[in-house]
Amino acid sequence: MSDGQRRSSRGFTIVEILVAVIITAVGFAAIFSMQVGSIQGNIEARELAAATNLAERYVAELRRDAYQWTVGPRPEAGQAPVLARAAGQWHSFTPMPVDHNGRAYIDDDANGSPLARQRFCAHYRLGPNNPALEGVINVRVRIVWPLATLDRTTLDAVCPEERANGFVPDPSRFRTVVLPAAIRRHES
């Protein structure tokens, strides 16, 4: 009997089994790492989509308020309160965090999100008056959410009106989406 025939009848050596296990483990580790990265990417994409949709919702609210704006470069006080704010600075749409539908969590409110997923703050900035664009205001809507998925406490320093203008986006703590839009005066 030759040496190769005797070896095949004995089976695999422990070294061969260990090499196979190590190669398999490295393969599984790579697959697991890809899965984790894919899940994190999906979460970030979902949050970005939710923030963009929320920004579009608030632009629509500004356009709806523009129907009350019928005269002058800015609406009269009391007509469209959101558009009557000072130009050139950030204002808050949401004094407290809201969910992806723009709803704040209130325990006794039937319309509040029961899952307490309020992770977003919405700010807006009105552009300065431009005589060449009579009846048009350029606006920006900014949505802010924390990088830490389950931490809403950081938004307490971002959402209120008095903190909206001084907020400087910190990419290590927050994500932001800024959506520009033009709001046109309603012609009555």
C-alpha atoms as a PDB file:
ATOM      1  CA  MET A   1       0.000   0.000   0.000  1.00  0.00           C
ATOM      2  CA  SER A   2       1.419   3.391  -0.929  1.00  0.00           C
ATOM      3  CA  ASP A   3       1.854   6.277   1.508  1.00  0.00           C
ATOM      4  CA  GLY A   4      -0.967   8.337  -0.107  1.00  0.00           C
ATOM      5  CA  GLN A   5      -3.435   5.464   0.149  1.00  0.00           C
ATOM      6  CA  ARG A   6      -2.663   4.916   3.840  1.00  0.00           C
ATOM      7  CA  ARG A   7      -3.129   8.602   4.626  1.00  0.00           C
ATOM      8  CA  SER A   8      -6.533   8.829   2.932  1.00  0.00           C
ATOM      9  CA  SER A   9      -7.804   5.863   4.884  1.00  0.00           C
ATOM     10  CA  ARG A  10      -6.884   7.511   8.194  1.00  0.00           C
ATOM     11  CA  GLY A  11      -8.976  10.702   7.609  1.00  0.00           C
ATOM     12  CA  PHE A  12      -8.019  14.330   8.188  1.00  0.00           C
ATOM     13  CA  THR A  13      -5.321  15.534  10.509  1.00  0.00           C
ATOM     14  CA  ILE A  14      -6.054  18.000  13.269  1.00  0.00           C
ATOM     15  CA  VAL A  15      -4.063  20.666  11.421  1.00  0.00           C
ATOM     16  CA  GLU A  16      -6.221  20.281   8.325  1.00  0.00           C
ATOM     17  CA  ILE A  17      -9.400  20.565  10.404  1.00  0.00           C
ATOM     18  CA  LEU A  18      -8.095  23.673  12.200  1.00  0.00           C
ATOM     19  CA  VAL A  19      -7.200  25.337   8.891  1.00  0.00           C
ATOM     20  CA  ALA A  20     -10.698  24.600   7.532  1.00  0.00           C
ATOM     21  CA  VAL A  21     -12.323  25.971  10.710  1.00  0.00           C
ATOM     22  CA  ILE A  22     -10.192  29.133  10.593  1.00  0.00           C
ATOM     23  CA  ILE A  23     -10.996  29.760   6.933  1.00  0.00           C
ATOM     24  CA  THR A  24     -14.698  29.229   7.611  1.00  0.00           C
ATOM     25  CA  ALA A  25     -14.590  31.544  10.660  1.00  0.00           C
ATOM     26  CA  VAL A  26     -12.895  34.299   8.648  1.00  0.00           C
ATOM     27  CA  GLY A  27     -15.556  33.948   5.952  1.00  0.00           C
ATOM     28  CA  PHE A  28     -18.390  34.113   8.475  1.00  0.00           C
ATOM     29  CA  ALA A  29     -16.788  37.142  10.176  1.00  0.00           C
ATOM     30  CA  ALA A  30     -16.636  38.947   6.825  1.00  0.00           C
ATOM     31  CA  ILE A  31     -20.276  38.110   6.094  1.00  0.00           C
ATOM     32  CA  PHE A  32     -21.326  39.245   9.583  1.00  0.00           C
ATOM     33  CA  SER A  33     -19.397  42.500   9.177  1.00  0.00           C
ATOM     34  CA  MET A  34     -21.123  43.143   5.839  1.00  0.00           C
ATOM     35  CA  GLN A  35     -24.517  42.506   7.428  1.00  0.00           C
ATOM     36  CA  VAL A  36     -23.833  44.956  10.271  1.00  0.00           C
ATOM     37  CA  GLY A  37     -22.701  47.598   7.790  1.00  0.00           C
ATOM     38  CA  SER A  38     -25.773  46.986   5.656  1.00  0.00           C
ATOM     39  CA  ILE A  39     -28.111  47.338   8.641  1.00  0.00           C
ATOM     40  CA  GLN A  40     -26.421  50.579   9.739  1.00  0.00           C
ATOM     41  CA  GLY A  41     -26.626  51.932   6.194  1.00  0.00           C
ATOM     42  CA  ASN A  42     -30.321  51.078   6.018  1.00  0.00           C
ATOM     43  CA  ILE A  43     -30.994  52.842   9.327  1.00  0.00           C
ATOM     44  CA  GLU A  44     -29.162  55.970   8.176  1.00  0.00           C
ATOM     45  CA  ALA A  45     -30.976  55.929   4.822  1.00  0.00           C
ATOM     46  CA  ARG A  46     -34.343  55.555   6.550  1.00  0.00           C
ATOM     47  CA  GLU A  47     -33.593  58.474   8.885  1.00  0.00           C
ATOM     48  CA  LEU A  48     -32.402  60.637   5.983  1.00  0.00           C
ATOM     49  CA  ALA A  49     -35.589  59.852   4.048  1.00  0.00           C
ATOM     50  CA  ALA A  50     -37.732  60.605   7.121  1.00  0.00           C
ATOM     51  CA  ALA A  51     -35.912  63.922   7.684  1.00  0.00           C
ATOM     52  CA  THR A  52     -36.295  64.914   4.031  1.00  0.00           C
ATOM     53  CA  ASN A  53     -40.011  64.088   4.096  1.00  0.00           C
ATOM     54  CA  LEU A  54     -40.397  66.081   7.307  1.00  0.00           C
ATOM     55  CA  ALA A  55     -38.618  69.062   5.711  1.00  0.00           C
ATOM     56  CA  GLU A  56     -40.965  68.845   2.729  1.00  0.00           C
ATOM     57  CA  ARG A  57     -43.928  68.760   5.128  1.00  0.00           C
ATOM     58  CA  TYR A  58     -42.773  72.000   6.778  1.00  0.00           C
ATOM     59  CA  VAL A  59     -42.153  73.674   3.406  1.00  0.00           C
ATOM     60  CA  ALA A  60     -45.762  72.795   2.556  1.00  0.00           C
ATOM     61  CA  GLU A  61     -46.839  74.365   5.854  1.00  0.00           C
ATOM     62  CA  LEU A  62     -44.982  77.565   4.940  1.00  0.00           C
ATOM     63  CA  ARG A  63     -46.683  77.592   1.547  1.00  0.00           C
ATOM     64  CA  ARG A  64     -50.039  77.081   3.234  1.00  0.00           C
ATOM     65  CA  ASP A  65     -49.325  80.038   5.537  1.00  0.00           C
ATOM     66  CA  ALA A  66     -48.507  82.126   2.461  1.00  0.00           C
ATOM     67  CA  TYR A  67     -52.211  82.063   1.555  1.00  0.00           C
ATOM     68  CA  GLN A  68     -52.718  84.481   4.461  1.00  0.00           C
ATOM     69  CA  TRP A  69     -49.965  86.743   3.081  1.00  0.00           C
ATOM     70  CA  THR A  70     -51.739  89.112   0.731  1.00  0.00           C
ATOM     71  CA  VAL A  71     -50.032  92.524   1.014  1.00  0.00           C
ATOM     72  CA  GLY A  72     -46.611  94.073   1.632  1.00  0.00           C
ATOM     73  CA  PRO A  73     -43.153  92.521   1.644  1.00  0.00           C
ATOM     74  CA  ARG A  74     -43.943  90.576   4.832  1.00  0.00           C
ATOM     75  CA  PRO A  75     -47.291  89.496   6.183  1.00  0.00           C
ATOM     76  CA  GLU A  76     -48.932  91.660   8.774  1.00  0.00           C
ATOM     77  CA  ALA A  77     -48.587  90.494  12.368  1.00  0.00           C
ATOM     78  CA  GLY A  78     -51.290  87.992  13.119  1.00  0.00           C
ATOM     79  CA  GLN A  79     -51.866  86.951   9.511  1.00  0.00           C
ATOM     80  CA  ALA A  80     -49.261  84.268   8.935  1.00  0.00           C
ATOM     81  CA  PRO A  81     -47.283  84.044  12.174  1.00  0.00           C
ATOM     82  CA  VAL A  82     -44.674  81.673  10.787  1.00  0.00           C
ATOM     83  CA  LEU A  83     -43.830  84.040   7.916  1.00  0.00           C
ATOM     84  CA  ALA A  84     -43.973  87.148  10.139  1.00  0.00           C
ATOM     85  CA  ARG A  85     -40.748  86.204  11.930  1.00  0.00           C
ATOM     86  CA  ALA A  86     -37.459  88.080  11.571  1.00  0.00           C
ATOM     87  CA  ALA A  87     -35.458  87.390   8.430  1.00  0.00           C
ATOM     88  CA  GLY A  88     -31.891  86.141   8.463  1.00  0.00           C
ATOM     89  CA  GLN A  89     -32.103  83.957  11.543  1.00  0.00           C
ATOM     90  CA  TRP A  90     -33.242  80.438  12.354  1.00  0.00           C
ATOM     91  CA  HIS A  91     -36.608  79.908  14.038  1.00  0.00           C
ATOM     92  CA  SER A  92     -38.095  76.751  15.484  1.00  0.00           C
ATOM     93  CA  PHE A  93     -41.104  74.945  14.076  1.00  0.00           C
ATOM     94  CA  THR A  94     -40.930  72.428  16.892  1.00  0.00           C
ATOM     95  CA  PRO A  95     -40.114  73.600  20.434  1.00  0.00           C
ATOM     96  CA  MET A  96     -39.839  69.944  21.395  1.00  0.00           C
ATOM     97  CA  PRO A  97     -38.707  66.874  19.418  1.00  0.00           C
ATOM     98  CA  VAL A  98     -41.154  65.385  16.914  1.00  0.00           C
ATOM     99  CA  ASP A  99     -41.442  62.032  15.186  1.00  0.00           C
ATOM    100  CA  HIS A 100     -41.162  61.445  11.435  1.00  0.00           C
ATOM    101  CA  ASN A 101     -44.768  62.651  11.056  1.00  0.00           C
ATOM    102  CA  GLY A 102     -44.142  65.931  12.861  1.00  0.00           C
ATOM    103  CA  ARG A 103     -45.985  64.856  16.018  1.00  0.00           C
ATOM    104  CA  ALA A 104     -44.680  65.544  19.502  1.00  0.00           C
ATOM    105  CA  TYR A 105     -45.036  62.940  22.214  1.00  0.00           C
ATOM    106  CA  ILE A 106     -47.655  63.895  24.785  1.00  0.00           C
ATOM    107  CA  ASP A 107     -48.879  61.168  27.121  1.00  0.00           C
ATOM    108  CA  ASP A 108     -52.519  62.231  27.120  1.00  0.00           C
ATOM    109  CA  ASP A 109     -52.726  63.269  23.459  1.00  0.00           C
ATOM    110  CA  ALA A 110     -54.432  60.741  21.208  1.00  0.00           C
ATOM    111  CA  ASN A 111     -52.484  62.110  18.210  1.00  0.00           C
ATOM    112  CA  GLY A 112     -49.037  61.807  19.822  1.00  0.00           C
ATOM    113  CA  SER A 113     -46.748  59.009  18.760  1.00  0.00           C
ATOM    114  CA  PRO A 114     -47.237  56.153  21.248  1.00  0.00           C
ATOM    115  CA  LEU A 115     -43.748  54.793  20.587  1.00  0.00           C
ATOM    116  CA  ALA A 116     -41.887  57.925  21.730  1.00  0.00           C
ATOM    117  CA  ARG A 117     -39.831  58.089  18.527  1.00  0.00           C
ATOM    118  CA  GLN A 118     -39.455  61.849  18.569  1.00  0.00           C
ATOM    119  CA  ARG A 119     -35.992  62.235  17.134  1.00  0.00           C
ATOM    120  CA  PHE A 120     -36.246  65.337  14.961  1.00  0.00           C
ATOM    121  CA  CYS A 121     -36.226  69.117  15.404  1.00  0.00           C
ATOM    122  CA  ALA A 122     -37.384  71.426  12.632  1.00  0.00           C
ATOM    123  CA  HIS A 123     -36.030  74.939  12.097  1.00  0.00           C
ATOM    124  CA  TYR A 124     -36.627  77.448   9.332  1.00  0.00           C
ATOM    125  CA  ARG A 125     -34.906  80.598   8.122  1.00  0.00           C
ATOM    126  CA  LEU A 126     -36.549  83.356   6.119  1.00  0.00           C
ATOM    127  CA  GLY A 127     -34.455  85.115   3.519  1.00  0.00           C
ATOM    128  CA  PRO A 128     -34.093  88.904   3.440  1.00  0.00           C
ATOM    129  CA  ASN A 129     -36.474  91.073   1.444  1.00  0.00           C
ATOM    130  CA  ASN A 130     -35.416  91.474  -2.147  1.00  0.00           C
ATOM    131  CA  PRO A 131     -37.188  94.261  -4.073  1.00  0.00           C
ATOM    132  CA  ALA A 132     -36.546  92.402  -7.326  1.00  0.00           C
ATOM    133  CA  LEU A 133     -38.484  89.446  -5.942  1.00  0.00           C
ATOM    134  CA  GLU A 134     -41.544  91.290  -4.680  1.00  0.00           C
ATOM    135  CA  GLY A 135     -43.929  88.745  -3.214  1.00  0.00           C
ATOM    136  CA  VAL A 136     -41.370  85.950  -2.849  1.00  0.00           C
ATOM    137  CA  ILE A 137     -39.526  84.863   0.281  1.00  0.00           C
ATOM    138  CA  ASN A 138     -36.653  82.407   0.074  1.00  0.00           C
ATOM    139  CA  VAL A 139     -36.739  80.007   2.996  1.00  0.00           C
ATOM    140  CA  ARG A 140     -34.672  77.137   4.271  1.00  0.00           C
ATOM    141  CA  VAL A 141     -36.032  74.339   6.400  1.00  0.00           C
ATOM    142  CA  ARG A 142     -33.496  72.472   8.516  1.00  0.00           C
ATOM    143  CA  ILE A 143     -34.194  69.127  10.170  1.00  0.00           C
ATOM    144  CA  VAL A 144     -31.813  68.027  12.928  1.00  0.00           C
ATOM    145  CA  TRP A 145     -31.562  64.587  14.534  1.00  0.00           C
ATOM    146  CA  PRO A 146     -28.973  63.009  16.834  1.00  0.00           C
ATOM    147  CA  LEU A 147     -26.414  60.530  15.588  1.00  0.00           C
ATOM    148  CA  ALA A 148     -27.015  58.333  18.650  1.00  0.00           C
ATOM    149  CA  THR A 149     -30.144  56.441  17.638  1.00  0.00           C
ATOM    150  CA  LEU A 150     -31.800  56.181  21.030  1.00  0.00           C
ATOM    151  CA  ASP A 151     -30.668  59.481  22.586  1.00  0.00           C
ATOM    152  CA  ARG A 152     -33.343  62.187  22.416  1.00  0.00           C
ATOM    153  CA  THR A 153     -32.002  64.247  25.324  1.00  0.00           C
ATOM    154  CA  THR A 154     -29.485  66.063  23.104  1.00  0.00           C
ATOM    155  CA  LEU A 155     -32.412  67.626  21.219  1.00  0.00           C
ATOM    156  CA  ASP A 156     -33.387  69.675  24.293  1.00  0.00           C
ATOM    157  CA  ALA A 157     -30.493  71.958  23.402  1.00  0.00           C
ATOM    158  CA  VAL A 158     -31.596  72.208  19.759  1.00  0.00           C
ATOM    159  CA  CYS A 159     -35.404  72.371  19.440  1.00  0.00           C
ATOM    160  CA  PRO A 160     -36.559  75.446  21.435  1.00  0.00           C
ATOM    161  CA  GLU A 161     -36.931  78.777  19.643  1.00  0.00           C
ATOM    162  CA  GLU A 162     -34.276  80.473  21.764  1.00  0.00           C
ATOM    163  CA  ARG A 163     -31.697  77.846  20.749  1.00  0.00           C
ATOM    164  CA  ALA A 164     -32.534  77.428  17.055  1.00  0.00           C
ATOM    165  CA  ASN A 165     -30.531  80.396  15.778  1.00  0.00           C
ATOM    166  CA  GLY A 166     -27.397  79.569  17.761  1.00  0.00           C
ATOM    167  CA  PHE A 167     -27.307  75.916  16.762  1.00  0.00           C
ATOM    168  CA  VAL A 168     -24.185  74.946  14.845  1.00  0.00           C
ATOM    169  CA  PRO A 169     -24.371  71.450  13.327  1.00  0.00           C
ATOM    170  CA  ASP A 170     -21.763  69.145  14.844  1.00  0.00           C
ATOM    171  CA  PRO A 171     -21.338  66.135  12.512  1.00  0.00           C
ATOM    172  CA  SER A 172     -19.985  64.018  15.356  1.00  0.00           C
ATOM    173  CA  ARG A 173     -23.279  64.410  17.273  1.00  0.00           C
ATOM    174  CA  PHE A 174     -26.003  65.426  14.799  1.00  0.00           C
ATOM    175  CA  ARG A 175     -27.205  64.862  11.267  1.00  0.00           C
ATOM    176  CA  THR A 176     -28.965  67.647   9.374  1.00  0.00           C
ATOM    177  CA  VAL A 177     -30.929  68.118   6.191  1.00  0.00           C
ATOM    178  CA  VAL A 178     -31.513  71.614   4.796  1.00  0.00           C
ATOM    179  CA  LEU A 179     -34.183  72.070   2.160  1.00  0.00           C
ATOM    180  CA  PRO A 180     -34.361  75.410   0.301  1.00  0.00           C
ATOM    181  CA  ALA A 181     -37.670  76.683  -1.050  1.00  0.00           C
ATOM    182  CA  ALA A 182     -39.353  79.801  -2.366  1.00  0.00           C
ATOM    183  CA  ILE A 183     -42.614  80.924  -0.810  1.00  0.00           C
ATOM    184  CA  ARG A 184     -44.818  83.125  -2.972  1.00  0.00           C
ATOM    185  CA  ARG A 185     -47.367  85.675  -1.784  1.00  0.00           C
ATOM    186  CA  HIS A 186     -50.960  84.741  -2.434  1.00  0.00           C
ATOM    187  CA  GLU A 187     -52.605  87.108  -4.874  1.00  0.00           C
ATOM    188  CA  SER A 188     -56.104  87.867  -3.669  1.00  0.00           C
END
